[in-house]
Amino acid sequence: MSIRDVAPPLATWKSYDYFPGGHVYRDVVHDPGGGPGGSPCVWADDSLWSVDTPEQPHSILFFINYRYWNNEPPIDLGEAEVIFSLRGEDLDPREFICTFWVVTYAPKATRWHLTSRPIPVSAGSWGEPVRLQLPADGAGWHRSFAARPEQASTLEQTLRLCYSYGFAFTGFARKVTGRVGLADFQLFARHDPAWPFIFDGRNGSLAWQTVSRTSHAQLAVLDPGRRESRLTETSGRHGPGLYLQAGDFLLLGEPFRFCYLAFVRGREATAGRDLRGAMVMVRQSAEGFDSRGGKVCFFVEHSASGTRWVLKVPIENRDNRPWSAVLTGDDRFWGRLTGSASLSDVLAGTTGGAGYDYFGIMLVGPGAQPAGLWGLTCCTVGPTLPPECIAAPVMREEGADAGLAQDSSCRDSGTAPR
């Protein structure tokens, strides 16, 4: 594909303040005319950053940007090029090394610094723009952090599914003080990570559906009546998206109950692409949602056989970060609510014996009728990861099966109106 600039809005950069047991992303200062030639720039100072001690060596992530802050999925930065200008004020360049870094969460959080290209930080002026090529050769990089060293991503994996990137100080003896500016940031990507399906809350072209309790039938989430009520335009904590209210939640199935939230037709969304090994990311708005003890889960469905498989890792957004998982073909990490089609046949789409007609989000095992407001602001499926990138889903003890039987075969006769 053609090379394109995928740089985020300058105002979305932040600074990272780490402390034992937690962290905060601090807003930087936006200066609309303080950059080279009067261009916009942003500034961060030592009141916003701290030393990230889990990093080895210790690092200060003075500028950081996450793709999900803009409702964007991870991107492939293999062979990408970065162009930018940095300016230091009251910084001593002899006290640190400045580097560019990348992060992935597939399968676990891993950070790599481009140590072979230390970045000059001009003192008191902007100087010449810096141009960096992001080589795929691991010899030029240093892995500074892995949440689980035994599952650390290689550099190739990190670049292929890059969630976040930014600038850091390393090599310091004590916390770096002063301030630093960033201007004219450009990021040119050469590869498309090939996500077969992306919904970011701003795209209303795909016919998302729910099952209405009021009408006891399928209902397009973006129908005119909902648009008039402005539910589809609600701007919650996570921004625009698809929003459901009490009249949408229809409980199905006895004795084991579930409730459709939002789903799409497979042939319209992914053209029946094989989803085995595909990565899925979801961002929900559930602060005002009373699930009545149910778990919000990703599901796939084959209608002819009445088969529904539900991923046992509940969808939960922590630290305002999207939930993500890999659609492993190992049925130990899924629960089959109904039907007899195998997981592999359903996930395989048009290449399998059954295929999926629908996929999306459902509430599994609520103790009573759910209430409140639930929203979907981001849902992406893909790309398919190579086997070495796939780790087994982590299931917490308190909700390891999301209310499903451990043998992955808890079934009922509940059917959704079609």
Protein backbone atom coordinates (compact mmCIF):
# COMPACT_ATOMS: atom_id res chain seq x y z
CA MET A 1 0.00 0.00 0.00
CA SER A 2 1.07 3.64 -0.31
CA ILE A 3 3.11 5.33 2.41
CA ARG A 4 0.88 7.53 4.57
CA ASP A 5 1.25 9.90 7.50
CA VAL A 6 -0.50 8.38 10.53
CA ALA A 7 0.69 10.92 13.09
CA PRO A 8 -1.82 11.64 15.88
CA PRO A 9 -3.12 15.14 16.64
CA LEU A 10 -0.39 17.06 18.43
CA ALA A 11 -2.70 17.92 21.33
CA THR A 12 -3.19 14.22 22.18
CA TRP A 13 0.39 13.71 23.44
CA LYS A 14 0.84 13.25 27.18
CA SER A 15 3.60 12.77 29.73
CA TYR A 16 3.95 9.68 31.93
CA ASP A 17 4.01 9.99 35.72
CA TYR A 18 4.83 6.62 37.31
CA PHE A 19 4.61 5.80 41.01
CA PRO A 20 4.72 2.44 42.81
CA GLY A 21 1.35 0.81 42.37
CA GLY A 22 0.06 3.14 39.70
CA HIS A 23 0.58 5.80 37.06
CA VAL A 24 -1.02 8.90 35.54
CA TYR A 25 -0.91 10.30 32.01
CA ARG A 26 -0.39 14.04 32.43
CA ASP A 27 -1.71 16.55 29.91
CA VAL A 28 1.07 18.50 28.24
CA VAL A 29 0.93 22.19 27.34
CA HIS A 30 -0.19 23.02 23.81
CA ASP A 31 1.38 26.09 22.20
CA PRO A 32 -0.34 26.94 18.88
CA GLY A 33 2.53 29.08 17.57
CA GLY A 34 5.66 28.19 19.50
CA GLY A 35 7.14 25.66 17.09
CA PRO A 36 9.59 26.16 14.20
CA GLY A 37 8.40 28.97 11.95
CA GLY A 38 5.36 29.57 14.15
CA SER A 39 4.02 26.01 13.85
CA PRO A 40 2.13 24.37 16.75
CA CYS A 41 4.08 22.51 19.44
CA VAL A 42 3.58 20.88 22.84
CA TRP A 43 5.67 21.18 26.00
CA ALA A 44 6.28 18.89 28.97
CA ASP A 45 8.34 19.63 32.07
CA ASP A 46 9.63 17.76 35.10
CA SER A 47 6.42 18.46 37.04
CA LEU A 48 4.64 16.10 34.63
CA TRP A 49 7.09 13.20 34.35
CA SER A 50 8.74 10.80 36.78
CA VAL A 51 11.19 7.89 36.63
CA ASP A 52 9.64 4.65 35.39
CA THR A 53 11.55 2.27 37.65
CA PRO A 54 10.19 -1.03 36.20
CA GLU A 55 12.06 -0.11 33.01
CA GLN A 56 15.59 -1.44 32.68
CA PRO A 57 17.40 0.84 32.45
CA HIS A 58 15.16 3.30 34.27
CA SER A 59 13.40 5.62 31.84
CA ILE A 60 11.45 8.86 31.79
CA LEU A 61 8.67 8.69 29.18
CA PHE A 62 8.32 12.44 28.74
CA PHE A 63 6.15 12.21 25.60
CA ILE A 64 3.76 9.30 25.10
CA ASN A 65 0.87 8.62 22.73
CA TYR A 66 -1.53 5.67 22.71
CA ARG A 67 -3.42 4.83 19.54
CA TYR A 68 -6.57 4.04 21.51
CA TRP A 69 -6.75 7.62 22.80
CA ASN A 70 -7.97 8.42 19.29
CA ASN A 71 -10.05 5.22 18.99
CA GLU A 72 -7.46 3.83 16.61
CA PRO A 73 -6.34 0.17 16.59
CA PRO A 74 -2.67 -0.87 16.75
CA ILE A 75 -0.63 -0.16 13.65
CA ASP A 76 2.16 -1.88 11.75
CA LEU A 77 5.32 0.28 12.09
CA GLY A 78 7.69 -2.08 10.32
CA GLU A 79 10.00 0.06 8.14
CA ALA A 80 8.15 3.21 9.28
CA GLU A 81 9.78 6.63 9.29
CA VAL A 82 9.45 9.29 11.99
CA ILE A 83 10.18 13.00 11.47
CA PHE A 84 10.02 15.56 14.28
CA SER A 85 11.69 18.44 16.11
CA LEU A 86 12.63 18.47 19.81
CA ARG A 87 13.70 21.50 21.82
CA GLY A 88 15.08 21.50 25.34
CA GLU A 89 14.93 24.29 27.90
CA ASP A 90 17.10 24.11 31.03
CA LEU A 91 18.13 20.56 30.12
CA ASP A 92 21.71 19.36 30.35
CA PRO A 93 22.20 16.99 27.36
CA ARG A 94 25.22 15.45 29.11
CA GLU A 95 22.92 13.97 31.78
CA PHE A 96 20.73 11.73 29.59
CA ILE A 97 20.23 9.84 26.33
CA CYS A 98 17.04 10.53 24.37
CA THR A 99 15.42 7.62 22.49
CA PHE A 100 12.29 6.76 20.50
CA TRP A 101 10.37 3.69 21.73
CA VAL A 102 7.46 1.42 20.74
CA VAL A 103 5.07 -0.73 22.81
CA THR A 104 2.76 -3.66 22.11
CA TYR A 105 0.33 -5.64 24.26
CA ALA A 106 0.27 -8.73 22.04
CA PRO A 107 0.58 -11.02 23.76
CA LYS A 108 1.80 -9.00 26.79
CA ALA A 109 3.12 -5.47 27.38
CA THR A 110 6.61 -5.14 25.87
CA ARG A 111 8.64 -1.97 25.20
CA TRP A 112 11.62 -1.52 22.87
CA HIS A 113 13.89 1.56 22.65
CA LEU A 114 15.72 2.47 19.44
CA THR A 115 19.10 2.81 21.18
CA SER A 116 21.16 2.78 17.98
CA ARG A 117 19.80 6.21 17.10
CA PRO A 118 20.08 8.50 20.14
CA ILE A 119 18.13 11.68 19.48
CA PRO A 120 19.74 15.11 19.76
CA VAL A 121 17.74 17.61 21.84
CA SER A 122 18.61 21.14 20.80
CA ALA A 123 19.16 23.48 23.76
CA GLY A 124 17.20 26.70 23.58
CA SER A 125 16.26 26.33 19.91
CA TRP A 126 14.50 23.91 17.58
CA GLY A 127 17.46 23.04 15.40
CA GLU A 128 17.09 20.80 12.36
CA PRO A 129 14.26 18.24 12.08
CA VAL A 130 15.23 14.70 13.09
CA ARG A 131 14.46 11.83 10.73
CA LEU A 132 14.41 8.25 12.07
CA GLN A 133 13.93 5.00 10.19
CA LEU A 134 12.51 2.25 12.42
CA PRO A 135 14.65 -0.75 11.44
CA ALA A 136 13.37 -4.30 11.88
CA ASP A 137 16.85 -5.40 12.98
CA GLY A 138 16.67 -6.11 16.70
CA ALA A 139 20.36 -5.36 17.09
CA GLY A 140 19.57 -1.65 16.99
CA TRP A 141 16.95 -1.86 19.73
CA HIS A 142 16.88 -2.60 23.47
CA ARG A 143 13.96 -4.32 25.22
CA SER A 144 13.48 -2.30 28.39
CA PHE A 145 10.30 -3.88 29.75
CA ALA A 146 8.21 -7.03 29.50
CA ALA A 147 5.21 -7.55 31.76
CA ARG A 148 5.83 -11.29 31.49
CA PRO A 149 9.37 -12.03 30.29
CA GLU A 150 8.38 -15.54 29.26
CA GLN A 151 5.78 -14.03 26.90
CA ALA A 152 7.76 -10.98 25.77
CA SER A 153 7.12 -9.88 22.20
CA THR A 154 9.98 -9.81 19.74
CA LEU A 155 10.81 -6.53 18.07
CA GLU A 156 9.10 -7.73 14.89
CA GLN A 157 5.90 -8.49 16.81
CA THR A 158 6.05 -5.16 18.65
CA LEU A 159 6.42 -3.18 15.45
CA ARG A 160 3.73 -5.20 13.70
CA LEU A 161 1.14 -4.51 16.41
CA CYS A 162 2.25 -1.21 17.91
CA TYR A 163 -0.17 0.20 20.47
CA SER A 164 1.90 3.13 21.68
CA TYR A 165 5.11 5.05 20.98
CA GLY A 166 6.97 8.08 22.22
CA PHE A 167 10.18 9.62 23.50
CA ALA A 168 12.20 8.82 26.61
CA PHE A 169 15.20 9.90 28.63
CA THR A 170 17.53 7.08 29.70
CA GLY A 171 21.09 6.87 31.03
CA PHE A 172 20.55 9.44 33.80
CA ALA A 173 21.91 9.30 37.35
CA ARG A 174 19.00 11.30 38.79
CA LYS A 175 15.65 12.59 37.55
CA VAL A 176 16.03 14.85 34.53
CA THR A 177 14.72 18.39 35.16
CA GLY A 178 13.75 21.18 32.80
CA ARG A 179 11.29 21.10 29.93
CA VAL A 180 11.17 19.79 26.39
CA GLY A 181 9.05 20.67 23.35
CA LEU A 182 7.82 18.57 20.40
CA ALA A 183 6.83 20.00 17.01
CA ASP A 184 6.22 18.94 13.41
CA PHE A 185 5.74 15.25 14.33
CA GLN A 186 5.12 13.00 11.33
CA LEU A 187 4.87 9.21 11.24
CA PHE A 188 4.93 7.49 7.86
CA ALA A 189 3.73 3.87 7.85
CA ARG A 190 4.40 1.51 4.95
CA HIS A 191 2.26 -1.46 5.95
CA ASP A 192 -1.40 -2.01 6.64
CA PRO A 193 -1.94 -4.40 9.58
CA ALA A 194 -4.96 -5.80 7.67
CA TRP A 195 -7.75 -5.45 10.22
CA PRO A 196 -10.74 -7.09 8.53
CA PHE A 197 -13.23 -5.11 10.63
CA ILE A 198 -12.98 -1.75 12.41
CA PHE A 199 -15.70 0.19 14.23
CA ASP A 200 -14.55 3.30 16.06
CA GLY A 201 -17.79 4.89 17.23
CA ARG A 202 -17.82 7.38 14.37
CA ASN A 203 -18.65 4.91 11.59
CA GLY A 204 -22.39 4.36 11.29
CA SER A 205 -22.30 2.68 7.89
CA LEU A 206 -22.47 -0.87 9.25
CA ALA A 207 -25.85 -2.13 10.43
CA TRP A 208 -25.25 -2.93 14.09
CA GLN A 209 -28.19 -4.68 15.70
CA THR A 210 -29.52 -5.56 19.11
CA VAL A 211 -32.52 -7.60 20.30
CA SER A 212 -35.16 -5.28 21.67
CA ARG A 213 -37.10 -6.16 24.80
CA THR A 214 -39.76 -3.66 23.76
CA SER A 215 -40.45 -5.17 20.33
CA HIS A 216 -39.10 -8.69 21.06
CA ALA A 217 -37.25 -8.61 17.73
CA GLN A 218 -33.99 -7.60 16.13
CA LEU A 219 -33.57 -3.86 15.93
CA ALA A 220 -30.99 -1.76 14.09
CA VAL A 221 -29.14 0.24 16.73
CA LEU A 222 -28.95 3.25 14.40
CA ASP A 223 -32.63 3.40 13.50
CA PRO A 224 -34.34 6.83 13.07
CA GLY A 225 -36.13 6.65 16.41
CA ARG A 226 -32.88 6.18 18.28
CA ARG A 227 -31.27 8.98 16.31
CA GLU A 228 -34.09 11.29 17.37
CA SER A 229 -33.56 10.35 21.01
CA ARG A 230 -29.84 11.15 20.55
CA LEU A 231 -28.84 7.86 22.16
CA THR A 232 -26.61 7.14 19.19
CA GLU A 233 -24.91 10.51 19.57
CA THR A 234 -24.30 10.37 23.30
CA SER A 235 -20.80 11.47 24.19
CA GLY A 236 -19.83 9.52 27.26
CA ARG A 237 -16.43 9.07 28.81
CA HIS A 238 -15.19 7.25 25.71
CA GLY A 239 -16.82 9.48 23.08
CA PRO A 240 -19.43 8.80 20.38
CA GLY A 241 -20.71 5.28 19.92
CA LEU A 242 -23.68 2.92 19.90
CA TYR A 243 -25.76 3.17 23.06
CA LEU A 244 -28.45 0.89 24.51
CA GLN A 245 -30.96 1.53 27.25
CA ALA A 246 -33.29 -0.62 29.38
CA GLY A 247 -35.84 -1.27 26.62
CA ASP A 248 -33.15 -2.95 24.53
CA PHE A 249 -32.14 -5.65 27.00
CA LEU A 250 -34.07 -8.86 26.34
CA LEU A 251 -33.16 -11.86 28.50
CA LEU A 252 -33.14 -15.18 26.66
CA GLY A 253 -32.59 -18.79 27.67
CA GLU A 254 -33.67 -20.94 30.59
CA PRO A 255 -32.27 -21.81 33.03
CA PHE A 256 -29.06 -20.15 31.86
CA ARG A 257 -29.73 -16.61 30.68
CA PHE A 258 -28.01 -14.26 28.30
CA CYS A 259 -28.79 -10.98 26.60
CA TYR A 260 -27.65 -9.69 23.20
CA LEU A 261 -26.07 -6.24 23.37
CA ALA A 262 -24.70 -5.36 19.92
CA PHE A 263 -23.81 -7.57 16.96
CA VAL A 264 -23.18 -7.45 13.21
CA ARG A 265 -23.66 -9.89 10.37
CA GLY A 266 -20.47 -11.71 9.51
CA ARG A 267 -20.92 -11.53 5.73
CA GLU A 268 -21.24 -7.72 5.92
CA ALA A 269 -18.45 -7.15 8.42
CA THR A 270 -15.64 -9.58 7.52
CA ALA A 271 -16.97 -11.40 4.43
CA GLY A 272 -16.69 -14.65 6.40
CA ARG A 273 -12.94 -14.38 6.95
CA ASP A 274 -11.29 -17.04 9.12
CA LEU A 275 -11.09 -15.57 12.63
CA ARG A 276 -8.96 -18.27 14.25
CA GLY A 277 -6.01 -16.47 15.80
CA ALA A 278 -7.50 -13.03 15.10
CA MET A 279 -7.13 -10.28 17.65
CA VAL A 280 -10.24 -8.53 18.93
CA MET A 281 -10.35 -5.17 20.73
CA VAL A 282 -13.41 -3.68 22.42
CA ARG A 283 -14.00 -0.42 24.21
CA GLN A 284 -17.28 -0.12 26.05
CA SER A 285 -18.98 2.61 28.03
CA ALA A 286 -20.48 0.85 31.02
CA GLU A 287 -20.20 3.30 33.92
CA GLY A 288 -23.99 3.68 34.03
CA PHE A 289 -24.77 0.05 33.26
CA ASP A 290 -26.13 -2.37 35.87
CA SER A 291 -25.31 -5.84 34.55
CA ARG A 292 -27.02 -7.57 37.51
CA GLY A 293 -24.03 -9.83 37.93
CA GLY A 294 -23.70 -10.74 34.27
CA LYS A 295 -20.46 -10.62 32.29
CA VAL A 296 -20.04 -8.69 29.05
CA CYS A 297 -18.44 -11.11 26.56
CA PHE A 298 -17.51 -11.49 22.89
CA PHE A 299 -19.53 -14.11 20.99
CA VAL A 300 -19.78 -15.81 17.60
CA GLU A 301 -22.93 -17.51 16.32
CA HIS A 302 -23.92 -20.01 13.63
CA SER A 303 -27.67 -19.55 13.15
CA ALA A 304 -28.64 -22.73 11.27
CA SER A 305 -27.45 -24.96 14.11
CA GLY A 306 -28.33 -22.47 16.85
CA THR A 307 -24.71 -22.55 18.03
CA ARG A 308 -23.34 -19.71 20.17
CA TRP A 309 -19.79 -19.65 21.51
CA VAL A 310 -18.76 -17.07 24.11
CA LEU A 311 -15.18 -16.14 25.00
CA LYS A 312 -14.69 -16.78 28.71
CA VAL A 313 -12.56 -13.68 29.29
CA PRO A 314 -15.04 -10.92 30.26
CA ILE A 315 -14.75 -7.56 28.52
CA GLU A 316 -13.49 -5.06 31.06
CA ASN A 317 -11.86 -1.72 30.34
CA ARG A 318 -9.21 -0.75 32.87
CA ASP A 319 -7.39 2.60 33.01
CA ASN A 320 -9.57 3.76 30.10
CA ARG A 321 -7.73 1.18 27.96
CA PRO A 322 -9.47 -1.04 25.41
CA TRP A 323 -9.94 -4.70 26.28
CA SER A 324 -8.22 -7.06 23.90
CA ALA A 325 -7.90 -10.81 23.43
CA VAL A 326 -7.00 -13.35 20.78
CA LEU A 327 -9.76 -15.51 19.30
CA THR A 328 -7.94 -18.72 20.04
CA GLY A 329 -9.29 -21.89 18.50
CA ASP A 330 -8.82 -23.69 21.83
CA ASP A 331 -12.34 -24.33 23.09
CA ARG A 332 -11.15 -24.53 26.71
CA PHE A 333 -11.26 -20.74 26.68
CA TRP A 334 -14.78 -20.57 25.28
CA GLY A 335 -18.22 -21.55 26.54
CA ARG A 336 -20.79 -23.05 24.20
CA LEU A 337 -24.19 -21.68 25.20
CA THR A 338 -26.22 -23.55 22.60
CA GLY A 339 -25.98 -25.77 19.54
CA SER A 340 -23.57 -28.45 18.40
CA ALA A 341 -21.24 -26.88 15.82
CA SER A 342 -17.59 -26.98 16.84
CA LEU A 343 -15.74 -23.80 17.75
CA SER A 344 -13.21 -24.31 14.96
CA ASP A 345 -15.94 -24.70 12.34
CA VAL A 346 -17.68 -21.53 13.52
CA LEU A 347 -14.58 -19.34 13.76
CA ALA A 348 -13.30 -20.56 10.39
CA GLY A 349 -16.07 -18.67 8.59
CA THR A 350 -16.54 -19.60 4.95
CA THR A 351 -13.59 -21.99 5.12
CA GLY A 352 -15.17 -24.05 7.91
CA GLY A 353 -17.99 -26.53 8.14
CA ALA A 354 -20.37 -24.08 9.79
CA GLY A 355 -19.11 -20.49 9.82
CA TYR A 356 -20.35 -17.54 11.82
CA ASP A 357 -23.45 -15.58 10.80
CA TYR A 358 -23.07 -13.04 13.59
CA PHE A 359 -20.44 -11.82 16.01
CA GLY A 360 -20.45 -9.13 18.64
CA ILE A 361 -21.07 -8.49 22.32
CA MET A 362 -23.52 -10.13 24.71
CA LEU A 363 -24.25 -10.15 28.44
CA VAL A 364 -23.89 -13.62 29.92
CA GLY A 365 -25.49 -14.90 33.13
CA PRO A 366 -27.26 -11.83 34.60
CA GLY A 367 -29.23 -12.58 37.74
CA ALA A 368 -32.04 -10.21 36.75
CA GLN A 369 -33.08 -7.78 34.08
CA PRO A 370 -30.11 -5.44 33.35
CA ALA A 371 -30.66 -1.71 33.61
CA GLY A 372 -29.00 1.60 32.82
CA LEU A 373 -27.05 2.65 29.75
CA TRP A 374 -24.47 0.54 27.89
CA GLY A 375 -22.40 1.76 24.97
CA LEU A 376 -20.00 0.35 22.39
CA THR A 377 -17.40 2.88 21.24
CA CYS A 378 -14.74 0.69 19.64
CA CYS A 379 -14.72 -2.83 18.21
CA THR A 380 -12.01 -4.14 15.92
CA VAL A 381 -11.36 -7.69 14.72
CA GLY A 382 -8.01 -8.78 13.29
CA PRO A 383 -5.36 -9.04 12.16
CA THR A 384 -4.66 -12.75 12.42
CA LEU A 385 -1.59 -13.29 14.56
CA PRO A 386 1.12 -15.86 13.87
CA PRO A 387 1.21 -18.73 16.38
CA GLU A 388 4.24 -17.31 18.21
CA CYS A 389 2.27 -14.14 19.05
CA ILE A 390 -0.65 -15.99 20.58
CA ALA A 391 -0.76 -16.53 24.32
CA ALA A 392 -3.51 -18.33 26.20
CA PRO A 393 -6.19 -15.91 27.46
CA VAL A 394 -5.82 -14.98 31.12
CA MET A 395 -8.97 -15.83 33.05
CA ARG A 396 -9.40 -14.37 36.53
CA GLU A 397 -10.49 -16.78 39.25
CA GLU A 398 -13.55 -14.77 40.27
CA GLY A 399 -14.99 -14.83 36.75
CA ALA A 400 -12.89 -17.41 35.00
CA ASP A 401 -15.79 -18.83 33.03
CA ALA A 402 -17.91 -15.66 32.83
CA GLY A 403 -20.71 -17.66 34.42
CA LEU A 404 -20.33 -20.61 32.08
CA ALA A 405 -19.78 -24.26 32.95
CA GLN A 406 -16.11 -25.22 33.14
CA ASP A 407 -16.63 -27.98 30.59
CA SER A 408 -17.53 -25.32 28.01
CA SER A 409 -20.82 -27.01 27.16
CA CYS A 410 -23.48 -25.23 29.23
CA ARG A 411 -26.42 -25.12 26.84
CA ASP A 412 -29.97 -23.80 26.80
CA SER A 413 -32.81 -23.48 24.35
CA GLY A 414 -32.87 -19.67 24.19
CA THR A 415 -33.22 -18.31 20.68
CA ALA A 416 -33.13 -14.74 19.45
CA PRO A 417 -35.99 -13.40 17.34
CA ARG A 418 -34.80 -13.09 13.74
